[in-house]
Amino acid sequence: MKKTSGYSRTILAVFVANILFAPSSFAALTATPTQYGDNASAGAPTASAFGSYANASASDATAIGSNSKASGNQSTAVGHTAWATGQSSSAFGENSTASGNNSTSTGSHSSASGELSTASGYFSDAQGARATATGAHSSATGTYSTALGAYSSASATNSVALGYGSVADRENTVSVGKAGNERQITNVAAGTADTDAVNVKQLNDKAAETLNAANSYTDNKITETKNELNLNIENAKNEAINTSNNYTDTKINETKNELNLNIENAKNEAINTSNNYTDTKINETKNELNLNIENAKNEAINTSNNYTDTKINETKNELNLNIDNAKNEAITISNNYTDSKITDTKNELNVNIDNAKNEAIITSNHYTDNKIAQNNTVINQNINNAKNEAITESNNYTDSRYQQSIQYAQNAADQAEQNARQYTDNRFSQLNQQSNQRFEQLNKKIERAEKRLNAGIAGVTAIASIPYVAENNFSWGVGLGNYQNGNALAAGVQYKTSPNTNVRLNVSWDSAHNSALGVGFAGGW
């Protein structure tokens, strides 16, 4: 609301002077219209018009000021060109308008057109039913809307706009700023009910709770994945062992059968020259070969199984695809190597057996004994070499694939964890900054609104504190008011128009640069 202008003070002085110098105009007020001023008009018995071209046309209407108009029943218009056209409406200030029933407009060019609406301040506008607009250029056009602060706007139903320039354009909302000019609300207590507002601490606590739940969920999923990988690894290991064992057993049986057949043929060919000796030596050689082959097979299988079990237990996080590739490659290499060694051994045995047969016939039993011993040594050495080479190659390949899979899985896990943490930290940082900025902006507007409210209450207190001399026909007074951090100065005049009627006019100026004007009329008998 703006300060009282020089024009308003001039009207007040003229009004008081006219009352002082023309008391006869108020001689009879009972059931007769009251009008004072050039072309003033009071059209109803209980109407009152004061001022040039003032017009009070309705019952119990009061018009004070040049060109003022009070056309609604029980309406009041005070100020130059102030119009109160709604029933029980009140318009105070130059060019103020109160057209809604039971509406109130206060301030120059203020307008209250909605039913039960209130407009207070320079160019304030309350169009919505039961709307309230307070502050210069404030606007409350929505039903049940409230705009508090200069240039504030509440256009939606049941909306509230708080502070300078605030905009409330959504139903059932409270706005403390507008797009591009947001404010913060500070000193907000933690919400308890479902519809309460929350503060930054509650958001942070809930964010921490959400993060803990997410971490717990991630840990559980990692554990489940690890267990599933371990199961896949165990199944792949067992499948590889079974496949390798089956293949080795088949090849050994085939080799044994072929060796036995070759030995049987050699035995039959040499039976004519050295049946008893050859049979004995061949049986001994066969048994020794079978025993050496069986021992080598068991030792290779046990050594491979033990080493594989140890490495597989250490590679629990190895991927299934790498395991399958390693399994297939290991089986292929092992099969190829076994086939090659068995073929070489078979060929060498056949040659040695043929040589032993021919040399046994020519050189006698002693030569045969020596050759069989030599063959045993060669065979045992070849078996040991094949066994060691297979174990070494299998171990080297397993170690290499294990290290590669461990490094790949670790790098992927580290990168995923880093990305998740960085994204979470950035989002919570942005949320905290936005929340703090908006709460700070809202707090500033609320503080300004509080100062204006305190100053307005101080103005009302100052007006109520003005003392008057009841015994004199005319008296004046000055009053001071304070409410918290608001201060105000008020002045007023009182004129006793008759022994039973009084007219009083008051005005106040407060520390928020607002002014308030009040006029009253009293009668008794």
Protein backbone atom coordinates (compact mmCIF):
# COMPACT_ATOMS: atom_id res chain seq x y z
CA MET A 1 0.00 0.00 0.00
CA LYS A 2 1.47 3.42 -0.96
CA LYS A 3 1.82 6.45 1.33
CA THR A 4 -1.02 8.93 1.64
CA SER A 5 -0.53 11.50 -1.13
CA GLY A 6 -0.71 15.28 -0.83
CA TYR A 7 -4.02 15.17 -2.61
CA SER A 8 -5.49 12.87 0.07
CA ARG A 9 -4.26 15.19 2.83
CA THR A 10 -5.88 18.15 1.02
CA ILE A 11 -9.21 16.31 0.85
CA LEU A 12 -8.91 15.52 4.56
CA ALA A 13 -8.26 19.22 5.41
CA VAL A 14 -11.18 20.41 3.29
CA PHE A 15 -13.44 17.83 4.84
CA VAL A 16 -12.51 18.87 8.39
CA ALA A 17 -12.80 22.58 7.59
CA ASN A 18 -16.24 22.18 6.05
CA ILE A 19 -17.39 20.28 9.10
CA LEU A 20 -16.05 23.01 11.42
CA PHE A 21 -17.59 25.94 9.57
CA ALA A 22 -20.92 24.41 8.55
CA PRO A 23 -22.25 22.36 11.46
CA SER A 24 -25.84 23.12 10.51
CA SER A 25 -25.59 20.64 7.62
CA PHE A 26 -25.59 17.77 10.14
CA ALA A 27 -28.49 18.99 12.25
CA ALA A 28 -30.84 16.18 11.46
CA LEU A 29 -29.45 12.79 10.46
CA THR A 30 -32.16 10.49 11.53
CA ALA A 31 -33.83 8.81 8.53
CA THR A 32 -32.73 11.59 6.19
CA PRO A 33 -29.95 11.48 3.58
CA THR A 34 -26.72 13.33 4.31
CA GLN A 35 -24.84 15.09 1.52
CA TYR A 36 -22.14 17.72 1.59
CA GLY A 37 -20.18 19.21 -1.30
CA ASP A 38 -20.83 20.49 -4.79
CA ASN A 39 -23.32 18.25 -6.56
CA ALA A 40 -23.02 15.67 -3.79
CA SER A 41 -25.89 13.17 -3.90
CA ALA A 42 -27.32 10.89 -1.19
CA GLY A 43 -30.13 8.93 -2.80
CA ALA A 44 -31.35 6.90 0.18
CA PRO A 45 -32.63 8.07 3.58
CA THR A 46 -29.68 6.46 5.40
CA ALA A 47 -27.05 7.32 2.76
CA SER A 48 -24.21 9.83 3.22
CA ALA A 49 -22.25 11.67 0.53
CA PHE A 50 -19.32 14.00 1.29
CA GLY A 51 -17.36 15.74 -1.47
CA SER A 52 -17.78 17.19 -4.91
CA TYR A 53 -19.97 14.90 -7.04
CA ALA A 54 -19.92 12.29 -4.31
CA ASN A 55 -22.77 9.81 -4.84
CA ALA A 56 -24.25 7.49 -2.19
CA SER A 57 -27.33 5.96 -3.82
CA ALA A 58 -27.98 2.81 -1.78
CA SER A 59 -29.31 2.16 1.69
CA ASP A 60 -26.73 2.80 4.46
CA ALA A 61 -24.15 3.71 1.78
CA THR A 62 -21.34 6.21 2.46
CA ALA A 63 -19.35 8.10 -0.20
CA ILE A 64 -16.47 10.38 0.87
CA GLY A 65 -14.32 12.19 -1.69
CA SER A 66 -14.82 13.89 -5.03
CA ASN A 67 -16.53 11.68 -7.62
CA SER A 68 -16.72 8.87 -5.08
CA LYS A 69 -19.58 6.42 -5.53
CA ALA A 70 -21.27 4.03 -3.08
CA SER A 71 -24.08 2.24 -4.93
CA GLY A 72 -24.24 -1.05 -3.01
CA ASN A 73 -26.29 -1.46 0.16
CA GLN A 74 -24.12 -0.87 3.27
CA SER A 75 -21.22 0.06 0.96
CA THR A 76 -18.45 2.58 1.73
CA ALA A 77 -16.35 4.54 -0.77
CA VAL A 78 -13.56 6.83 0.49
CA GLY A 79 -11.23 8.70 -1.86
CA HIS A 80 -11.26 10.51 -5.17
CA THR A 81 -13.25 8.44 -7.71
CA ALA A 82 -13.49 5.56 -5.23
CA TRP A 83 -16.37 3.26 -6.18
CA ALA A 84 -18.07 0.74 -3.91
CA THR A 85 -20.77 -0.92 -6.04
CA GLY A 86 -21.07 -4.34 -4.40
CA GLN A 87 -23.34 -5.02 -1.43
CA SER A 88 -21.52 -4.37 1.89
CA SER A 89 -18.40 -3.48 -0.13
CA SER A 90 -15.67 -1.00 0.88
CA ALA A 91 -13.34 1.02 -1.36
CA PHE A 92 -10.57 3.17 0.16
CA GLY A 93 -8.17 5.19 -1.99
CA GLU A 94 -8.01 7.11 -5.23
CA ASN A 95 -9.72 5.26 -8.11
CA SER A 96 -10.23 2.22 -5.89
CA THR A 97 -13.08 -0.14 -6.84
CA ALA A 98 -15.00 -2.67 -4.75
CA SER A 99 -17.56 -4.28 -7.07
CA GLY A 100 -17.91 -7.71 -5.45
CA ASN A 101 -20.39 -8.30 -2.66
CA ASN A 102 -18.71 -8.01 0.76
CA SER A 103 -15.44 -7.06 -0.99
CA THR A 104 -12.78 -4.61 0.25
CA SER A 105 -10.26 -2.60 -1.78
CA THR A 106 -7.64 -0.41 -0.12
CA GLY A 107 -5.11 1.70 -2.01
CA SER A 108 -4.93 3.82 -5.13
CA HIS A 109 -6.33 2.03 -8.21
CA SER A 110 -7.01 -1.10 -6.17
CA SER A 111 -9.84 -3.37 -7.35
CA ALA A 112 -11.85 -6.07 -5.52
CA SER A 113 -14.33 -7.56 -7.98
CA GLY A 114 -14.74 -11.07 -6.55
CA GLU A 115 -17.30 -11.90 -3.90
CA LEU A 116 -15.81 -11.62 -0.38
CA SER A 117 -12.49 -10.59 -2.00
CA THR A 118 -9.85 -8.21 -0.55
CA ALA A 119 -7.41 -6.02 -2.50
CA SER A 120 -4.84 -3.98 -0.58
CA GLY A 121 -2.12 -1.92 -2.27
CA TYR A 122 -1.43 0.26 -5.28
CA PHE A 123 -3.05 -1.29 -8.39
CA SER A 124 -3.83 -4.46 -6.43
CA ASP A 125 -6.47 -6.70 -8.05
CA ALA A 126 -8.64 -9.37 -6.37
CA GLN A 127 -10.92 -10.87 -9.04
CA GLY A 128 -11.49 -14.36 -7.69
CA ALA A 129 -14.24 -15.18 -5.22
CA ARG A 130 -12.85 -14.99 -1.65
CA ALA A 131 -9.48 -14.00 -3.10
CA THR A 132 -6.91 -11.79 -1.33
CA ALA A 133 -4.34 -9.55 -3.05
CA THR A 134 -1.92 -7.59 -0.84
CA GLY A 135 0.88 -5.43 -2.23
CA ALA A 136 1.43 -3.02 -5.11
CA HIS A 137 0.37 -4.55 -8.44
CA SER A 138 -0.53 -7.81 -6.72
CA SER A 139 -3.15 -9.99 -8.45
CA ALA A 140 -5.42 -12.74 -7.07
CA THR A 141 -7.67 -13.92 -9.92
CA GLY A 142 -8.26 -17.53 -8.91
CA THR A 143 -11.07 -18.62 -6.61
CA TYR A 144 -9.88 -18.76 -2.96
CA SER A 145 -6.46 -17.51 -4.14
CA THR A 146 -4.02 -15.35 -2.12
CA ALA A 147 -1.27 -13.06 -3.46
CA LEU A 148 0.99 -11.47 -0.84
CA GLY A 149 3.72 -9.08 -2.04
CA ALA A 150 4.28 -6.49 -4.75
CA TYR A 151 3.74 -7.88 -8.29
CA SER A 152 2.75 -11.26 -6.88
CA SER A 153 0.16 -13.27 -8.85
CA ALA A 154 -2.17 -16.11 -7.80
CA SER A 155 -4.24 -17.18 -10.82
CA ALA A 156 -5.15 -20.77 -9.97
CA THR A 157 -7.91 -21.99 -7.65
CA ASN A 158 -6.90 -22.16 -3.98
CA SER A 159 -3.34 -21.07 -4.83
CA VAL A 160 -0.99 -18.89 -2.72
CA ALA A 161 1.80 -16.61 -4.00
CA LEU A 162 4.19 -15.29 -1.32
CA GLY A 163 6.67 -12.48 -1.93
CA TYR A 164 7.63 -10.00 -4.61
CA GLY A 165 7.00 -11.26 -8.13
CA SER A 166 5.88 -14.71 -7.02
CA VAL A 167 3.58 -16.64 -9.40
CA ALA A 168 1.09 -19.34 -8.32
CA ASP A 169 -0.51 -20.75 -11.49
CA ARG A 170 -1.31 -24.30 -10.34
CA GLU A 171 -4.32 -25.29 -8.23
CA ASN A 172 -3.85 -25.97 -4.51
CA THR A 173 -0.19 -24.85 -4.48
CA VAL A 174 1.96 -22.36 -2.53
CA SER A 175 4.59 -20.48 -4.57
CA VAL A 176 7.47 -18.44 -3.16
CA GLY A 177 8.95 -17.37 -6.50
CA LYS A 178 8.63 -17.98 -10.21
CA ALA A 179 10.52 -19.74 -12.99
CA GLY A 180 14.02 -18.26 -13.12
CA ASN A 181 13.60 -16.45 -9.80
CA GLU A 182 13.16 -19.22 -7.24
CA ARG A 183 13.57 -18.82 -3.48
CA GLN A 184 14.49 -21.04 -0.54
CA ILE A 185 12.50 -21.78 2.62
CA THR A 186 14.81 -21.95 5.65
CA ASN A 187 14.44 -23.12 9.25
CA VAL A 188 11.91 -25.77 8.20
CA ALA A 189 11.20 -28.44 10.81
CA ALA A 190 11.30 -32.06 9.75
CA GLY A 191 7.97 -33.30 8.41
CA THR A 192 6.05 -35.96 10.35
CA ALA A 193 2.75 -36.48 8.51
CA ASP A 194 2.42 -37.76 4.93
CA THR A 195 1.47 -34.28 3.65
CA ASP A 196 4.21 -32.33 5.51
CA ALA A 197 7.15 -30.69 3.74
CA VAL A 198 10.59 -32.21 4.21
CA ASN A 199 13.91 -30.42 4.80
CA VAL A 200 17.37 -31.06 3.33
CA LYS A 201 18.43 -33.20 6.34
CA GLN A 202 15.49 -35.53 5.78
CA LEU A 203 16.39 -35.76 2.10
CA ASN A 204 20.01 -36.56 2.97
CA ASP A 205 18.94 -39.19 5.52
CA LYS A 206 16.58 -40.79 3.03
CA ALA A 207 19.27 -40.63 0.33
CA ALA A 208 21.72 -42.40 2.65
CA GLU A 209 19.08 -45.02 3.45
CA THR A 210 18.41 -45.53 -0.26
CA LEU A 211 22.14 -45.80 -0.98
CA ASN A 212 22.58 -48.39 1.77
CA ALA A 213 19.68 -50.40 0.40
CA ALA A 214 21.15 -50.20 -3.11
CA ASN A 215 24.57 -51.31 -1.83
CA SER A 216 23.00 -54.19 0.06
CA TYR A 217 21.07 -55.24 -3.04
CA THR A 218 24.26 -55.04 -5.13
CA ASP A 219 26.20 -57.13 -2.59
CA ASN A 220 23.47 -59.77 -2.61
CA LYS A 221 23.45 -59.88 -6.40
CA ILE A 222 27.24 -60.16 -6.50
CA THR A 223 27.09 -63.06 -4.03
CA GLU A 224 24.39 -64.78 -6.08
CA THR A 225 26.39 -64.26 -9.28
CA LYS A 226 29.56 -65.56 -7.62
CA ASN A 227 27.75 -68.69 -6.44
CA GLU A 228 26.31 -69.24 -9.91
CA LEU A 229 29.75 -68.80 -11.49
CA ASN A 230 31.26 -71.23 -8.99
CA LEU A 231 28.58 -73.77 -9.88
CA ASN A 232 29.23 -73.28 -13.61
CA ILE A 233 32.98 -73.64 -13.04
CA GLU A 234 32.47 -76.82 -11.04
CA ASN A 235 30.19 -78.26 -13.73
CA ALA A 236 32.66 -77.31 -16.48
CA LYS A 237 35.53 -78.88 -14.52
CA ASN A 238 33.64 -82.12 -14.00
CA GLU A 239 32.60 -82.19 -17.65
CA ALA A 240 36.20 -81.61 -18.80
CA ILE A 241 37.55 -84.30 -16.46
CA ASN A 242 34.90 -86.80 -17.50
CA THR A 243 35.45 -86.11 -21.20
CA SER A 244 39.23 -86.35 -20.85
CA ASN A 245 39.01 -89.53 -18.78
CA ASN A 246 36.59 -91.19 -21.18
CA TYR A 247 38.71 -90.30 -24.19
CA THR A 248 41.93 -91.51 -22.50
CA ASP A 249 40.31 -94.75 -21.37
CA THR A 250 39.02 -95.44 -24.87
CA LYS A 251 42.39 -94.78 -26.50
CA ILE A 252 44.26 -96.85 -23.93
CA ASN A 253 41.86 -99.76 -24.42
CA GLU A 254 42.25 -99.50 -28.17
CA THR A 255 46.03 -99.36 -27.83
CA LYS A 256 46.07 -102.29 -25.41
CA ASN A 257 43.94 -104.35 -27.75
CA GLU A 258 46.13 -103.47 -30.71
CA LEU A 259 49.30 -104.15 -28.73
CA ASN A 260 47.96 -107.44 -27.52
CA LEU A 261 47.04 -108.41 -31.06
CA ASN A 262 50.51 -107.48 -32.36
CA ILE A 263 52.21 -109.30 -29.53
CA GLU A 264 50.00 -112.33 -30.12
CA ASN A 265 50.95 -112.33 -33.80
CA ALA A 266 54.66 -112.03 -32.97
CA LYS A 267 54.32 -114.80 -30.47
CA ASN A 268 52.68 -117.07 -33.04
CA GLU A 269 55.39 -116.31 -35.63
CA ALA A 270 58.23 -117.00 -33.16
CA ILE A 271 56.67 -120.09 -31.62
CA ASN A 272 58.49 -122.43 -34.02
CA THR A 273 61.95 -121.37 -32.87
CA SER A 274 61.54 -120.34 -29.25
CA ASN A 275 58.04 -121.11 -28.02
CA ASN A 276 58.66 -121.54 -24.36
CA TYR A 277 61.21 -118.72 -23.95
CA THR A 278 59.38 -116.26 -26.16
CA ASP A 279 56.05 -116.95 -24.50
CA THR A 280 57.54 -116.32 -21.09
CA LYS A 281 59.31 -113.11 -22.11
CA ILE A 282 56.41 -111.76 -24.09
CA ASN A 283 54.04 -112.35 -21.19
CA GLU A 284 56.46 -110.61 -18.85
CA THR A 285 56.83 -107.71 -21.27
CA LYS A 286 53.06 -107.45 -21.78
CA ASN A 287 52.44 -107.39 -18.05
CA GLU A 288 55.17 -104.85 -17.47
CA LEU A 289 53.93 -102.69 -20.33
CA ASN A 290 50.37 -102.87 -19.09
CA LEU A 291 51.48 -102.06 -15.56
CA ASN A 292 53.63 -99.12 -16.72
CA ILE A 293 50.86 -97.80 -18.96
CA GLU A 294 48.28 -98.13 -16.18
CA ASN A 295 50.57 -96.46 -13.65
CA ALA A 296 51.41 -93.64 -16.05
CA LYS A 297 47.73 -93.18 -16.85
CA ASN A 298 46.71 -93.05 -13.19
CA GLU A 299 49.57 -90.74 -12.26
CA ALA A 300 48.78 -88.36 -15.14
CA ILE A 301 45.07 -88.36 -14.30
CA ASN A 302 45.67 -87.82 -10.59
CA THR A 303 48.24 -85.10 -11.14
CA SER A 304 46.04 -83.33 -13.72
CA ASN A 305 42.94 -83.66 -11.55
CA ASN A 306 44.68 -82.34 -8.41
CA TYR A 307 46.25 -79.39 -10.22
CA THR A 308 43.02 -78.57 -12.06
CA ASP A 309 40.98 -78.75 -8.85
CA THR A 310 43.39 -76.36 -7.12
CA LYS A 311 43.36 -73.83 -9.97
CA ILE A 312 39.59 -74.00 -10.45
CA ASN A 313 39.05 -73.25 -6.76
CA GLU A 314 41.24 -70.16 -7.17
CA THR A 315 39.32 -68.98 -10.28
CA LYS A 316 35.83 -68.70 -8.84
CA ASN A 317 35.05 -65.45 -10.74
CA GLU A 318 36.18 -66.76 -14.17
CA LEU A 319 33.58 -66.25 -16.90
CA ASN A 320 31.67 -69.15 -18.41
CA LEU A 321 32.67 -68.31 -21.96
CA ASN A 322 36.38 -68.31 -21.13
CA ILE A 323 35.92 -71.59 -19.21
CA ASP A 324 34.20 -73.24 -22.20
CA ASN A 325 36.90 -72.02 -24.59
CA ALA A 326 39.64 -73.17 -22.22
CA LYS A 327 37.90 -76.51 -21.75
CA ASN A 328 37.49 -77.13 -25.49
CA GLU A 329 41.04 -76.03 -26.26
CA ALA A 330 42.48 -78.16 -23.44
CA ILE A 331 40.50 -81.21 -24.58
CA THR A 332 41.56 -80.71 -28.20
CA ILE A 333 45.24 -80.27 -27.31
CA SER A 334 45.13 -83.20 -24.91
CA ASN A 335 43.35 -85.43 -27.44
CA ASN A 336 45.70 -84.50 -30.26
CA TYR A 337 48.74 -85.00 -28.07
CA THR A 338 47.44 -88.36 -26.78
CA ASP A 339 46.64 -89.55 -30.33
CA SER A 340 50.07 -88.55 -31.53
CA LYS A 341 51.89 -90.23 -28.65
CA ILE A 342 49.86 -93.44 -28.89
CA THR A 343 50.48 -93.64 -32.65
CA ASP A 344 54.21 -93.08 -32.15
CA THR A 345 54.31 -95.68 -29.38
CA LYS A 346 52.29 -98.15 -31.44
CA ASN A 347 54.59 -97.76 -34.45
CA GLU A 348 57.69 -97.99 -32.32
CA LEU A 349 56.33 -101.07 -30.55
CA ASN A 350 55.47 -102.76 -33.84
CA VAL A 351 58.94 -102.08 -35.21
CA ASN A 352 60.58 -103.22 -32.01
CA ILE A 353 58.43 -106.34 -31.88
CA ASP A 354 59.27 -107.23 -35.51
CA ASN A 355 62.93 -106.65 -34.82
CA ALA A 356 62.72 -108.65 -31.63
CA LYS A 357 61.00 -111.50 -33.50
CA ASN A 358 63.63 -111.62 -36.27
CA GLU A 359 66.52 -111.14 -33.90
CA ALA A 360 65.12 -113.76 -31.49
CA ILE A 361 65.05 -116.35 -34.29
CA ILE A 362 68.60 -115.49 -35.50
CA THR A 363 70.56 -114.59 -32.37
CA SER A 364 68.82 -116.73 -29.76
CA ASN A 365 67.20 -116.09 -26.45
CA HIS A 366 69.97 -113.88 -25.04
CA TYR A 367 69.69 -111.36 -27.83
CA THR A 368 65.90 -111.36 -27.40
CA ASP A 369 66.27 -110.62 -23.67
CA ASN A 370 68.54 -107.67 -24.34
CA LYS A 371 66.26 -106.17 -26.99
CA ILE A 372 63.17 -106.53 -24.80
CA ALA A 373 64.99 -104.78 -21.94
CA GLN A 374 65.98 -101.96 -24.28
CA ASN A 375 62.43 -101.70 -25.57
CA ASN A 376 61.09 -101.52 -22.02
CA THR A 377 63.45 -98.65 -21.25
CA VAL A 378 62.45 -96.74 -24.38
CA ILE A 379 58.76 -97.31 -23.82
CA ASN A 380 58.94 -96.23 -20.18
CA GLN A 381 60.90 -93.11 -21.14
CA ASN A 382 58.45 -92.22 -23.90
CA ILE A 383 55.50 -92.69 -21.53
CA ASN A 384 57.15 -90.50 -18.86
CA ASN A 385 58.02 -87.81 -21.43
CA ALA A 386 54.48 -87.78 -22.80
CA LYS A 387 53.04 -87.60 -19.30
CA ASN A 388 55.28 -84.69 -18.22
CA GLU A 389 54.76 -82.76 -21.45
CA ALA A 390 50.96 -83.10 -21.21
CA ILE A 391 50.93 -81.96 -17.57
CA THR A 392 53.25 -78.99 -18.24
CA GLU A 393 51.30 -77.76 -21.27
CA SER A 394 47.94 -78.14 -19.48
CA ASN A 395 49.22 -76.28 -16.39
CA ASN A 396 50.72 -73.40 -18.42
CA TYR A 397 47.56 -72.90 -20.44
CA THR A 398 45.35 -73.04 -17.32
CA ASP A 399 47.56 -70.47 -15.53
CA SER A 400 47.47 -68.07 -18.51
CA ARG A 401 43.68 -68.20 -18.97
CA TYR A 402 43.12 -67.87 -15.23
CA GLN A 403 45.18 -64.67 -14.97
CA GLN A 404 43.45 -63.13 -18.01
CA SER A 405 39.94 -63.88 -16.71
CA ILE A 406 40.76 -62.60 -13.21
CA GLN A 407 42.16 -59.30 -14.57
CA TYR A 408 39.20 -58.78 -16.94
CA ALA A 409 36.59 -59.45 -14.24
CA GLN A 410 38.39 -57.19 -11.73
CA ASN A 411 38.70 -54.29 -14.22
CA ALA A 412 35.00 -54.56 -15.18
CA ALA A 413 33.88 -54.64 -11.53
CA ASP A 414 36.11 -51.65 -10.57
CA GLN A 415 34.86 -49.56 -13.51
CA ALA A 416 31.17 -50.34 -12.78
CA GLU A 417 31.58 -49.47 -9.10
CA GLN A 418 33.39 -46.20 -9.91
CA ASN A 419 30.72 -45.14 -12.44
CA ALA A 420 27.85 -45.91 -10.02
CA ARG A 421 29.45 -44.00 -7.14
CA GLN A 422 30.35 -40.98 -9.29
CA TYR A 423 26.81 -40.75 -10.75
CA THR A 424 25.19 -41.04 -7.29
CA ASP A 425 27.50 -38.38 -5.80
CA ASN A 426 26.82 -35.94 -8.68
CA ARG A 427 23.04 -36.34 -8.47
CA PHE A 428 22.90 -35.84 -4.70
CA SER A 429 25.22 -32.79 -4.94
CA GLN A 430 22.94 -31.18 -7.53
CA LEU A 431 19.84 -31.94 -5.44
CA ASN A 432 21.41 -30.37 -2.32
CA GLN A 433 22.43 -27.20 -4.20
CA GLN A 434 18.99 -26.73 -5.75
CA SER A 435 17.18 -27.35 -2.46
CA ASN A 436 19.43 -24.93 -0.53
CA GLN A 437 18.98 -22.18 -3.14
CA ARG A 438 15.19 -22.49 -3.21
CA PHE A 439 14.83 -22.56 0.55
CA GLU A 440 17.04 -19.45 0.86
CA GLN A 441 14.96 -17.52 -1.69
CA LEU A 442 11.70 -18.44 0.04
CA ASN A 443 13.11 -17.40 3.41
CA LYS A 444 13.97 -13.90 2.12
CA LYS A 445 10.46 -13.37 0.78
CA ILE A 446 8.88 -14.59 3.98
CA GLU A 447 11.10 -12.22 5.98
CA ARG A 448 10.00 -9.25 3.82
CA ALA A 449 6.38 -10.29 4.15
CA GLU A 450 6.83 -10.61 7.92
CA LYS A 451 8.32 -7.10 8.14
CA ARG A 452 5.38 -5.66 6.20
CA LEU A 453 2.90 -7.57 8.32
CA ASN A 454 4.54 -6.40 11.57
CA ALA A 455 4.57 -2.83 10.28
CA GLY A 456 0.88 -3.07 9.33
CA ILE A 457 -0.01 -4.34 12.81
CA ALA A 458 2.02 -1.46 14.29
CA GLY A 459 -0.01 0.98 12.12
CA VAL A 460 -3.28 -0.43 13.41
CA THR A 461 -1.90 -0.24 16.97
CA ALA A 462 -0.92 3.42 16.45
CA ILE A 463 -4.42 4.31 15.17
CA ALA A 464 -6.01 2.51 18.13
CA SER A 465 -3.71 4.42 20.53
CA ILE A 466 -4.82 7.93 19.46
CA PRO A 467 -6.58 9.63 22.41
CA TYR A 468 -9.49 12.05 21.89
CA VAL A 469 -11.21 14.67 24.10
CA ALA A 470 -14.79 13.50 24.46
CA GLU A 471 -16.13 16.76 25.94
CA ASN A 472 -15.22 19.01 22.96
CA ASN A 473 -16.99 19.12 19.62
CA PHE A 474 -13.65 18.86 17.75
CA SER A 475 -10.49 17.15 18.87
CA TRP A 476 -7.36 15.63 17.30
CA GLY A 477 -4.65 13.26 18.41
CA VAL A 478 -1.41 11.48 17.53
CA GLY A 479 -0.45 7.89 18.32
CA LEU A 480 2.62 5.63 18.02
CA GLY A 481 2.64 1.88 17.52
CA ASN A 482 5.18 -0.97 17.60
CA TYR A 483 4.90 -4.68 16.90
CA GLN A 484 8.13 -6.73 17.00
CA ASN A 485 10.34 -5.06 14.34
CA GLY A 486 7.57 -2.82 12.89
CA ASN A 487 6.94 0.83 13.89
CA ALA A 488 4.19 3.31 12.90
CA LEU A 489 2.95 6.89 13.42
CA ALA A 490 -0.79 7.78 13.29
CA ALA A 491 -2.85 10.97 13.40
CA GLY A 492 -6.59 11.53 13.50
CA VAL A 493 -9.42 14.03 14.00
CA GLN A 494 -12.84 13.65 15.62
CA TYR A 495 -15.88 15.91 15.20
CA LYS A 496 -19.05 15.72 17.23
CA THR A 497 -21.75 16.62 14.70
CA SER A 498 -24.48 16.52 17.35
CA PRO A 499 -24.83 15.40 20.96
CA ASN A 500 -25.56 11.87 19.68
CA THR A 501 -23.26 11.49 16.63
CA ASN A 502 -19.49 11.53 16.00
CA VAL A 503 -17.34 11.41 12.84
CA ARG A 504 -13.70 10.27 13.03
CA LEU A 505 -10.89 10.16 10.45
CA ASN A 506 -7.50 8.42 11.06
CA VAL A 507 -4.35 7.86 9.00
CA SER A 508 -1.10 5.96 9.77
CA TRP A 509 2.42 5.62 8.26
CA ASP A 510 4.57 2.57 9.10
CA SER A 511 8.26 1.60 8.80
CA ALA A 512 7.55 -0.59 5.73
CA HIS A 513 6.58 2.55 3.77
CA ASN A 514 2.89 1.72 3.85
CA SER A 515 0.01 3.94 4.90
CA ALA A 516 -3.49 3.19 6.14
CA LEU A 517 -6.58 5.40 6.13
CA GLY A 518 -9.65 4.87 8.28
CA VAL A 519 -12.92 6.75 8.71
CA GLY A 520 -15.75 6.04 11.08
CA PHE A 521 -19.16 7.36 12.06
CA ALA A 522 -20.96 6.70 15.33
CA GLY A 523 -24.41 7.53 16.66
CA GLY A 524 -26.38 6.85 19.83
CA TRP A 525 -29.48 7.81 21.74
